[in-house]
């Protein structure tokens, strides 16, 4: 039991020691004018591209060139197309047709104006 525990502890400690330096070197801090290791090495740091240059006998970082951030193209927002509102169609109203009044045939009565 003690052996398994010591092996586990040793493995965890070894992994921690191995992985910590990798994380530290993955994001180097670049300061213009400070020494660098590899000639013409390019590093992007804080939206600038720094290059390792030879100054005399020393290798130093350049001042850096600002990166151009691409301006996003505005996406056109779709405008709602107006839907035609249905207009009510007028329904034809039936017009009353005058019905002819029947005239009596052979009537013997006298009208109010005195004609027969």
Protein backbone atom coordinates (compact mmCIF):
# COMPACT_ATOMS: atom_id res chain seq x y z
CA UNK A 1 0.00 0.00 0.00
CA UNK A 2 2.79 2.42 0.85
CA UNK A 3 4.53 1.63 -2.40
CA UNK A 4 1.45 2.42 -4.52
CA UNK A 5 0.91 5.67 -2.65
CA UNK A 6 4.52 6.77 -3.07
CA UNK A 7 4.47 5.87 -6.78
CA UNK A 8 1.27 7.88 -7.28
CA UNK A 9 2.69 10.86 -5.38
CA UNK A 10 5.92 10.70 -7.37
CA UNK A 11 4.06 10.50 -10.67
CA UNK A 12 1.89 13.52 -9.84
CA UNK A 13 4.92 15.54 -8.71
CA UNK A 14 6.86 14.64 -11.86
CA UNK A 15 3.97 15.60 -14.13
CA UNK A 16 3.55 18.91 -12.31
CA UNK A 17 7.24 19.75 -12.72
CA UNK A 18 7.24 18.78 -16.38
CA UNK A 19 4.06 20.61 -17.37
CA UNK A 20 4.62 23.91 -15.52
CA UNK A 21 7.59 25.05 -17.68
CA UNK A 22 5.64 24.25 -20.88
CA UNK A 23 2.86 26.58 -19.88
CA UNK A 24 5.32 29.34 -18.98
CA UNK A 25 7.18 29.17 -22.32
CA UNK A 26 4.07 28.98 -24.47
CA UNK A 27 3.34 32.69 -23.98
CA UNK A 28 6.66 34.58 -23.91
CA UNK A 29 6.59 38.20 -22.89
CA UNK A 30 8.23 40.29 -25.57
CA UNK A 31 9.71 43.69 -24.80
CA UNK A 32 11.31 45.75 -27.57
CA UNK A 33 15.07 46.06 -27.11
CA UNK A 34 15.48 43.01 -24.86
CA UNK A 35 17.54 40.06 -26.03
CA UNK A 36 16.05 37.17 -27.98
CA UNK A 37 17.40 33.74 -28.89
CA UNK A 38 16.65 33.03 -32.59
CA UNK A 39 17.38 35.44 -35.46
CA UNK A 40 14.32 36.45 -37.56
CA UNK A 41 11.94 34.75 -35.13
CA UNK A 42 8.48 36.34 -35.26
CA UNK A 43 6.19 36.48 -32.24
CA UNK A 44 2.70 37.96 -31.99
CA UNK A 45 2.17 39.64 -28.62
CA UNK A 46 -0.56 42.13 -27.67
CA UNK A 47 -1.73 42.60 -31.30
CA UNK A 48 1.80 43.37 -32.53
CA UNK A 49 4.27 41.26 -34.50
CA UNK A 50 7.76 41.40 -33.03
CA UNK A 51 10.82 40.17 -34.97
CA UNK A 52 14.17 39.13 -33.55
CA UNK A 53 16.84 41.30 -35.21
CA UNK A 54 20.62 41.50 -34.99
CA UNK A 55 21.83 44.77 -33.47
CA UNK A 56 25.64 44.79 -33.46
CA UNK A 57 26.56 41.42 -31.94
CA UNK A 58 23.34 41.04 -29.96
CA UNK A 59 19.93 39.68 -30.93
CA UNK A 60 17.11 42.01 -29.82
CA UNK A 61 13.36 42.29 -30.37
CA UNK A 62 12.12 44.94 -32.81
CA UNK A 63 9.62 47.66 -31.88
CA UNK A 64 6.80 45.60 -33.33
CA UNK A 65 4.33 46.15 -36.12
CA UNK A 66 0.67 46.60 -35.26
CA UNK A 67 -1.58 43.92 -36.71
CA UNK A 68 -4.44 45.01 -38.88
CA UNK A 69 -7.65 43.82 -37.37
CA UNK A 70 -10.10 43.00 -40.13
CA UNK A 71 -13.16 45.16 -39.91
CA UNK A 72 -16.21 42.97 -39.87
CA UNK A 73 -18.47 43.49 -42.83
CA UNK A 74 -21.89 44.54 -41.64
CA UNK A 75 -24.44 41.90 -42.40
CA UNK A 76 -27.58 43.39 -43.87
CA UNK A 77 -30.51 42.95 -41.59
CA UNK A 78 -33.53 41.71 -43.44
CA UNK A 79 -36.23 44.33 -43.58
CA UNK A 80 -39.72 42.99 -43.22
CA UNK A 81 -41.62 43.25 -46.45
CA UNK A 82 -45.04 44.74 -45.98
CA UNK A 83 -47.72 42.21 -46.63
CA UNK A 84 -50.66 43.59 -48.54
CA UNK A 85 -53.69 43.86 -46.36
CA UNK A 86 -56.68 42.39 -48.08
CA UNK A 87 -59.19 45.08 -48.88
CA UNK A 88 -62.75 43.94 -48.49
CA UNK A 89 -64.42 43.64 -51.83
CA UNK A 90 -67.74 45.43 -51.83
CA UNK A 91 -70.58 43.00 -52.15
CA UNK A 92 -73.21 44.23 -54.58
CA UNK A 93 -76.39 45.09 -52.78
CA UNK A 94 -79.44 44.00 -54.69
CA UNK A 95 -81.31 46.99 -55.97
CA UNK A 96 -85.05 46.61 -55.69
CA UNK A 97 -86.63 46.40 -59.07
CA UNK A 98 -89.94 48.21 -59.28
CA UNK A 99 -92.71 45.75 -59.60
CA UNK A 100 -95.43 46.88 -61.96
CA UNK A 101 -98.71 47.47 -60.23
CA UNK A 102 -101.47 45.58 -61.94
CA UNK A 103 -104.06 47.77 -63.52
CA UNK A 104 -107.57 46.48 -63.30
CA UNK A 105 -109.19 45.69 -66.57
CA UNK A 106 -112.76 46.77 -67.12
CA UNK A 107 -113.07 48.82 -63.98
CA UNK A 108 -116.15 50.98 -63.43
CA UNK A 109 -114.92 53.32 -60.85
CA UNK A 110 -114.15 57.00 -61.13
CA UNK A 111 -110.79 58.48 -60.26
CA UNK A 112 -110.37 61.48 -57.99
CA UNK A 113 -109.72 63.87 -60.86
CA UNK A 114 -113.01 62.96 -62.47
CA UNK A 115 -111.91 60.78 -65.32
CA UNK A 116 -113.23 57.40 -66.04
